């Protein structure tokens, strides 16, 4: 099996002599019962739960990240990939 280029987001798993690389979010959801949501777009309430923060804090991060979309007047969507990229900036 070919090794992935992005090791920061992968977990190396060994099983019966085989080595498999699994995305870290998927690994966490399988082993630690952490929610894994691969959706690209979410709404405010779902996103706040997904990122484990209050709704107000989530809204502030979304505005700062530029991940907010208004396809119609009544629908608000958040691009989770853009938000993830923005939050990586704060990584220690």
C-alpha atoms as a PDB file:
ATOM      1  CA  UNK A   1       0.000   0.000   0.000  1.00  0.00           C
ATOM      2  CA  UNK A   2       1.282   3.470  -0.884  1.00  0.00           C
ATOM      3  CA  UNK A   3       2.076   5.804   2.007  1.00  0.00           C
ATOM      4  CA  UNK A   4       0.031   9.020   2.180  1.00  0.00           C
ATOM      5  CA  UNK A   5       1.687  12.373   1.564  1.00  0.00           C
ATOM      6  CA  UNK A   6      -0.020  14.127   4.488  1.00  0.00           C
ATOM      7  CA  UNK A   7       1.122  12.313   7.638  1.00  0.00           C
ATOM      8  CA  UNK A   8      -0.203  15.047   9.963  1.00  0.00           C
ATOM      9  CA  UNK A   9      -3.783  13.994   9.330  1.00  0.00           C
ATOM     10  CA  UNK A  10      -3.235  10.227   9.188  1.00  0.00           C
ATOM     11  CA  UNK A  11      -2.831   7.444  11.747  1.00  0.00           C
ATOM     12  CA  UNK A  12      -0.672   4.424  10.984  1.00  0.00           C
ATOM     13  CA  UNK A  13      -2.496   1.235  11.997  1.00  0.00           C
ATOM     14  CA  UNK A  14      -0.847  -2.207  12.160  1.00  0.00           C
ATOM     15  CA  UNK A  15      -3.006  -5.313  11.947  1.00  0.00           C
ATOM     16  CA  UNK A  16      -1.772  -8.861  11.318  1.00  0.00           C
ATOM     17  CA  UNK A  17       1.357  -7.645   9.547  1.00  0.00           C
ATOM     18  CA  UNK A  18      -0.426  -5.121   7.354  1.00  0.00           C
ATOM     19  CA  UNK A  19       0.012  -1.366   7.665  1.00  0.00           C
ATOM     20  CA  UNK A  20      -2.980   0.841   6.895  1.00  0.00           C
ATOM     21  CA  UNK A  21      -3.154   4.647   7.000  1.00  0.00           C
ATOM     22  CA  UNK A  22      -6.451   6.021   8.289  1.00  0.00           C
ATOM     23  CA  UNK A  23      -7.541   9.682   8.488  1.00  0.00           C
ATOM     24  CA  UNK A  24      -7.172  10.820  12.108  1.00  0.00           C
ATOM     25  CA  UNK A  25     -10.773  12.029  12.391  1.00  0.00           C
ATOM     26  CA  UNK A  26     -12.073   8.670  11.212  1.00  0.00           C
ATOM     27  CA  UNK A  27      -9.720   6.842  13.592  1.00  0.00           C
ATOM     28  CA  UNK A  28     -10.906   8.991  16.514  1.00  0.00           C
ATOM     29  CA  UNK A  29     -14.547   8.341  15.679  1.00  0.00           C
ATOM     30  CA  UNK A  30     -13.963   4.581  15.507  1.00  0.00           C
ATOM     31  CA  UNK A  31     -11.809   4.159  18.624  1.00  0.00           C
ATOM     32  CA  UNK A  32     -12.863   6.953  20.961  1.00  0.00           C
ATOM     33  CA  UNK A  33     -16.512   7.414  20.037  1.00  0.00           C
ATOM     34  CA  UNK A  34     -15.868  10.926  18.748  1.00  0.00           C
ATOM     35  CA  UNK A  35     -18.309  12.268  16.204  1.00  0.00           C
ATOM     36  CA  UNK A  36     -16.925  12.299  12.669  1.00  0.00           C
ATOM     37  CA  UNK A  37     -18.836  14.360  10.174  1.00  0.00           C
ATOM     38  CA  UNK A  38     -17.323  14.591   6.697  1.00  0.00           C
ATOM     39  CA  UNK A  39     -19.951  17.091   5.493  1.00  0.00           C
ATOM     40  CA  UNK A  40     -18.650  20.072   3.592  1.00  0.00           C
ATOM     41  CA  UNK A  41     -21.524  22.387   4.541  1.00  0.00           C
ATOM     42  CA  UNK A  42     -23.388  22.578   7.856  1.00  0.00           C
ATOM     43  CA  UNK A  43     -25.757  24.984   9.563  1.00  0.00           C
ATOM     44  CA  UNK A  44     -24.961  26.948  12.713  1.00  0.00           C
ATOM     45  CA  UNK A  45     -26.379  24.540  15.327  1.00  0.00           C
ATOM     46  CA  UNK A  46     -24.872  21.433  13.753  1.00  0.00           C
ATOM     47  CA  UNK A  47     -21.509  23.151  13.323  1.00  0.00           C
ATOM     48  CA  UNK A  48     -21.365  24.359  16.929  1.00  0.00           C
ATOM     49  CA  UNK A  49     -21.977  20.783  18.138  1.00  0.00           C
ATOM     50  CA  UNK A  50     -19.494  19.375  15.648  1.00  0.00           C
ATOM     51  CA  UNK A  51     -16.721  21.749  16.795  1.00  0.00           C
ATOM     52  CA  UNK A  52     -17.670  21.512  20.480  1.00  0.00           C
ATOM     53  CA  UNK A  53     -18.168  25.205  21.131  1.00  0.00           C
ATOM     54  CA  UNK A  54     -20.968  27.587  22.007  1.00  0.00           C
ATOM     55  CA  UNK A  55     -23.145  28.901  19.217  1.00  0.00           C
ATOM     56  CA  UNK A  56     -21.908  32.478  19.709  1.00  0.00           C
ATOM     57  CA  UNK A  57     -18.227  31.467  19.611  1.00  0.00           C
ATOM     58  CA  UNK A  58     -18.878  29.343  16.538  1.00  0.00           C
ATOM     59  CA  UNK A  59     -20.621  32.223  14.752  1.00  0.00           C
ATOM     60  CA  UNK A  60     -17.659  34.505  15.488  1.00  0.00           C
ATOM     61  CA  UNK A  61     -15.125  31.997  14.112  1.00  0.00           C
ATOM     62  CA  UNK A  62     -17.278  31.480  11.014  1.00  0.00           C
ATOM     63  CA  UNK A  63     -17.427  35.222  10.313  1.00  0.00           C
ATOM     64  CA  UNK A  64     -13.670  35.607  10.788  1.00  0.00           C
ATOM     65  CA  UNK A  65     -12.887  32.628   8.558  1.00  0.00           C
ATOM     66  CA  UNK A  66     -14.970  33.734   5.593  1.00  0.00           C
ATOM     67  CA  UNK A  67     -16.704  30.352   5.524  1.00  0.00           C
ATOM     68  CA  UNK A  68     -20.240  31.770   5.582  1.00  0.00           C
ATOM     69  CA  UNK A  69     -22.542  31.217   2.583  1.00  0.00           C
ATOM     70  CA  UNK A  70     -26.065  32.547   1.932  1.00  0.00           C
ATOM     71  CA  UNK A  71     -27.464  30.641  -1.066  1.00  0.00           C
ATOM     72  CA  UNK A  72     -30.918  32.138  -0.340  1.00  0.00           C
ATOM     73  CA  UNK A  73     -32.263  34.677   2.152  1.00  0.00           C
ATOM     74  CA  UNK A  74     -33.406  31.955   4.560  1.00  0.00           C
ATOM     75  CA  UNK A  75     -30.510  29.507   4.281  1.00  0.00           C
ATOM     76  CA  UNK A  76     -27.134  29.977   5.939  1.00  0.00           C
ATOM     77  CA  UNK A  77     -24.402  27.404   5.318  1.00  0.00           C
ATOM     78  CA  UNK A  78     -20.892  27.112   6.717  1.00  0.00           C
ATOM     79  CA  UNK A  79     -18.069  25.609   4.670  1.00  0.00           C
ATOM     80  CA  UNK A  80     -16.347  23.313   7.198  1.00  0.00           C
ATOM     81  CA  UNK A  81     -13.230  22.922   5.057  1.00  0.00           C
ATOM     82  CA  UNK A  82     -12.624  26.672   4.998  1.00  0.00           C
ATOM     83  CA  UNK A  83     -13.283  26.838   8.729  1.00  0.00           C
ATOM     84  CA  UNK A  84     -10.840  23.975   9.371  1.00  0.00           C
ATOM     85  CA  UNK A  85      -8.161  25.760   7.349  1.00  0.00           C
ATOM     86  CA  UNK A  86      -8.761  28.949   9.331  1.00  0.00           C
ATOM     87  CA  UNK A  87      -8.602  27.151  12.689  1.00  0.00           C
ATOM     88  CA  UNK A  88      -5.280  25.528  11.711  1.00  0.00           C
ATOM     89  CA  UNK A  89      -3.801  29.023  11.874  1.00  0.00           C
ATOM     90  CA  UNK A  90      -4.253  28.917  15.678  1.00  0.00           C
ATOM     91  CA  UNK A  91      -2.518  25.559  16.087  1.00  0.00           C
ATOM     92  CA  UNK A  92       0.164  25.541  18.807  1.00  0.00           C
END
